[in-house]
C-alpha atoms as a PDB file:
ATOM      1  CA  UNK A   1      -5.392   1.413  23.706  1.00  0.00           C
ATOM      2  CA  UNK A   2      -2.394  -0.605  23.028  1.00  0.00           C
ATOM      3  CA  UNK A   3      -4.435  -3.408  21.426  1.00  0.00           C
ATOM      4  CA  UNK A   4      -6.185  -0.934  19.336  1.00  0.00           C
ATOM      5  CA  UNK A   5      -3.017   0.078  18.171  1.00  0.00           C
ATOM      6  CA  UNK A   6      -1.711  -3.383  17.495  1.00  0.00           C
ATOM      7  CA  UNK A   7      -4.937  -4.017  15.551  1.00  0.00           C
ATOM      8  CA  UNK A   8      -4.602  -0.341  13.435  1.00  0.00           C
ATOM      9  CA  UNK A   9      -0.758  -1.788  12.867  1.00  0.00           C
ATOM     10  CA  UNK A  10      -1.779  -5.018  11.504  1.00  0.00           C
ATOM     11  CA  UNK A  11      -4.058  -3.231   9.191  1.00  0.00           C
ATOM     12  CA  UNK A  12      -1.711  -0.882   8.171  1.00  0.00           C
ATOM     13  CA  UNK A  13       0.877  -3.852   7.296  1.00  0.00           C
ATOM     14  CA  UNK A  14      -1.674  -5.589   5.579  1.00  0.00           C
ATOM     15  CA  UNK A  15      -2.834  -2.546   3.691  1.00  0.00           C
ATOM     16  CA  UNK A  16       0.749  -1.946   2.575  1.00  0.00           C
ATOM     17  CA  UNK A  17       1.543  -5.407   1.570  1.00  0.00           C
ATOM     18  CA  UNK A  18      -1.559  -5.545  -0.688  1.00  0.00           C
ATOM     19  CA  UNK A  19      -0.289  -1.957  -2.140  1.00  0.00           C
ATOM     20  CA  UNK A  20       3.077  -3.175  -3.191  1.00  0.00           C
ATOM     21  CA  UNK A  21       1.930  -6.493  -4.858  1.00  0.00           C
ATOM     22  CA  UNK A  22      -0.610  -4.187  -6.931  1.00  0.00           C
ATOM     23  CA  UNK A  23       1.974  -1.702  -8.368  1.00  0.00           C
ATOM     24  CA  UNK A  24       3.718  -2.601 -11.676  1.00  0.00           C
ATOM     25  CA  UNK A  25       7.037  -3.995 -11.518  1.00  0.00           C
ATOM     26  CA  UNK A  26       9.534  -5.196 -14.216  1.00  0.00           C
ATOM     27  CA  UNK A  27       7.489  -8.150 -14.990  1.00  0.00           C
ATOM     28  CA  UNK A  28       4.250  -6.221 -14.628  1.00  0.00           C
ATOM     29  CA  UNK A  29       2.894  -8.598 -11.447  1.00  0.00           C
ATOM     30  CA  UNK A  30      -0.655  -8.603 -10.264  1.00  0.00           C
ATOM     31  CA  UNK A  31      -1.163  -4.798 -11.318  1.00  0.00           C
ATOM     32  CA  UNK A  32      -0.864  -5.983 -15.251  1.00  0.00           C
ATOM     33  CA  UNK A  33      -3.442  -8.637 -14.804  1.00  0.00           C
ATOM     34  CA  UNK A  34      -5.887  -6.123 -13.076  1.00  0.00           C
ATOM     35  CA  UNK A  35      -5.014  -3.247 -15.198  1.00  0.00           C
ATOM     36  CA  UNK A  36      -4.032  -4.877 -18.146  1.00  0.00           C
ATOM     37  CA  UNK A  37      -7.257  -4.459 -19.885  1.00  0.00           C
ATOM     38  CA  UNK A  38      -8.113  -1.334 -18.641  1.00  0.00           C
ATOM     39  CA  UNK A  39      -4.908   0.055 -20.553  1.00  0.00           C
ATOM     40  CA  UNK A  40      -6.351  -1.224 -23.655  1.00  0.00           C
ATOM     41  CA  UNK A  41     -10.059   0.378 -22.901  1.00  0.00           C
ATOM     42  CA  UNK A  42      -9.038   3.725 -21.613  1.00  0.00           C
ATOM     43  CA  UNK A  43      -5.775   4.267 -23.028  1.00  0.00           C
ATOM     44  CA  UNK A  44      -2.415   4.547 -20.968  1.00  0.00           C
ATOM     45  CA  UNK A  45      -2.967   7.886 -19.483  1.00  0.00           C
ATOM     46  CA  UNK A  46      -5.520   6.015 -16.968  1.00  0.00           C
ATOM     47  CA  UNK A  47      -3.108   3.532 -16.256  1.00  0.00           C
ATOM     48  CA  UNK A  48      -0.484   6.119 -15.135  1.00  0.00           C
ATOM     49  CA  UNK A  49      -2.797   7.937 -12.980  1.00  0.00           C
ATOM     50  CA  UNK A  50      -3.457   4.196 -11.255  1.00  0.00           C
ATOM     51  CA  UNK A  51       0.205   3.992 -10.752  1.00  0.00           C
ATOM     52  CA  UNK A  52       0.603   7.443  -9.224  1.00  0.00           C
ATOM     53  CA  UNK A  53      -2.378   6.484  -6.767  1.00  0.00           C
ATOM     54  CA  UNK A  54      -0.575   3.518  -5.685  1.00  0.00           C
ATOM     55  CA  UNK A  55       2.667   5.297  -5.650  1.00  0.00           C
ATOM     56  CA  UNK A  56       1.004   7.810  -3.171  1.00  0.00           C
ATOM     57  CA  UNK A  57      -0.902   5.175  -1.214  1.00  0.00           C
ATOM     58  CA  UNK A  58       2.602   3.491  -0.765  1.00  0.00           C
ATOM     59  CA  UNK A  59       4.017   6.223   0.785  1.00  0.00           C
ATOM     60  CA  UNK A  60       1.033   6.993   2.961  1.00  0.00           C
ATOM     61  CA  UNK A  61       0.763   3.524   4.350  1.00  0.00           C
ATOM     62  CA  UNK A  62       4.641   3.324   4.676  1.00  0.00           C
ATOM     63  CA  UNK A  63       4.711   6.313   6.835  1.00  0.00           C
ATOM     64  CA  UNK A  64       1.796   5.208   8.542  1.00  0.00           C
ATOM     65  CA  UNK A  65       3.058   1.686   9.250  1.00  0.00           C
ATOM     66  CA  UNK A  66       6.524   3.567  10.620  1.00  0.00           C
ATOM     67  CA  UNK A  67       4.972   5.775  13.007  1.00  0.00           C
ATOM     68  CA  UNK A  68       2.635   3.280  14.180  1.00  0.00           C
ATOM     69  CA  UNK A  69       5.559   0.844  14.667  1.00  0.00           C
ATOM     70  CA  UNK A  70       7.266   3.359  17.070  1.00  0.00           C
ATOM     71  CA  UNK A  71       4.134   3.984  19.050  1.00  0.00           C
ATOM     72  CA  UNK A  72       3.582   0.476  19.809  1.00  0.00           C
ATOM     73  CA  UNK A  73       7.244  -0.467  20.717  1.00  0.00           C
ATOM     74  CA  UNK A  74       6.982   2.856  22.990  1.00  0.00           C
ATOM     75  CA  UNK A  75       3.573   1.513  24.777  1.00  0.00           C
ATOM     76  CA  UNK A  76       5.429  -2.142  24.922  1.00  0.00           C
ATOM     77  CA  UNK A  77       8.643  -0.657  26.533  1.00  0.00           C
ATOM     78  CA  UNK A  78       6.390   1.038  28.923  1.00  0.00           C
END
């Protein structure tokens, strides 16, 4: 059980890192390189939808990461 939780924690952390890197920052970052062409093709409405999805995915992954971290710390302490 402990090994499964650690693997799940690593998956959540890699997912969280990748989602944060995909989000648009002050300099547009990696998100601008990927969805930059989509803005011109489909309009800004689609890009806003992608940003909203990335924000919600970040909240979900961050919450999962936080909860899994507490659970793994509890199992390691026991």
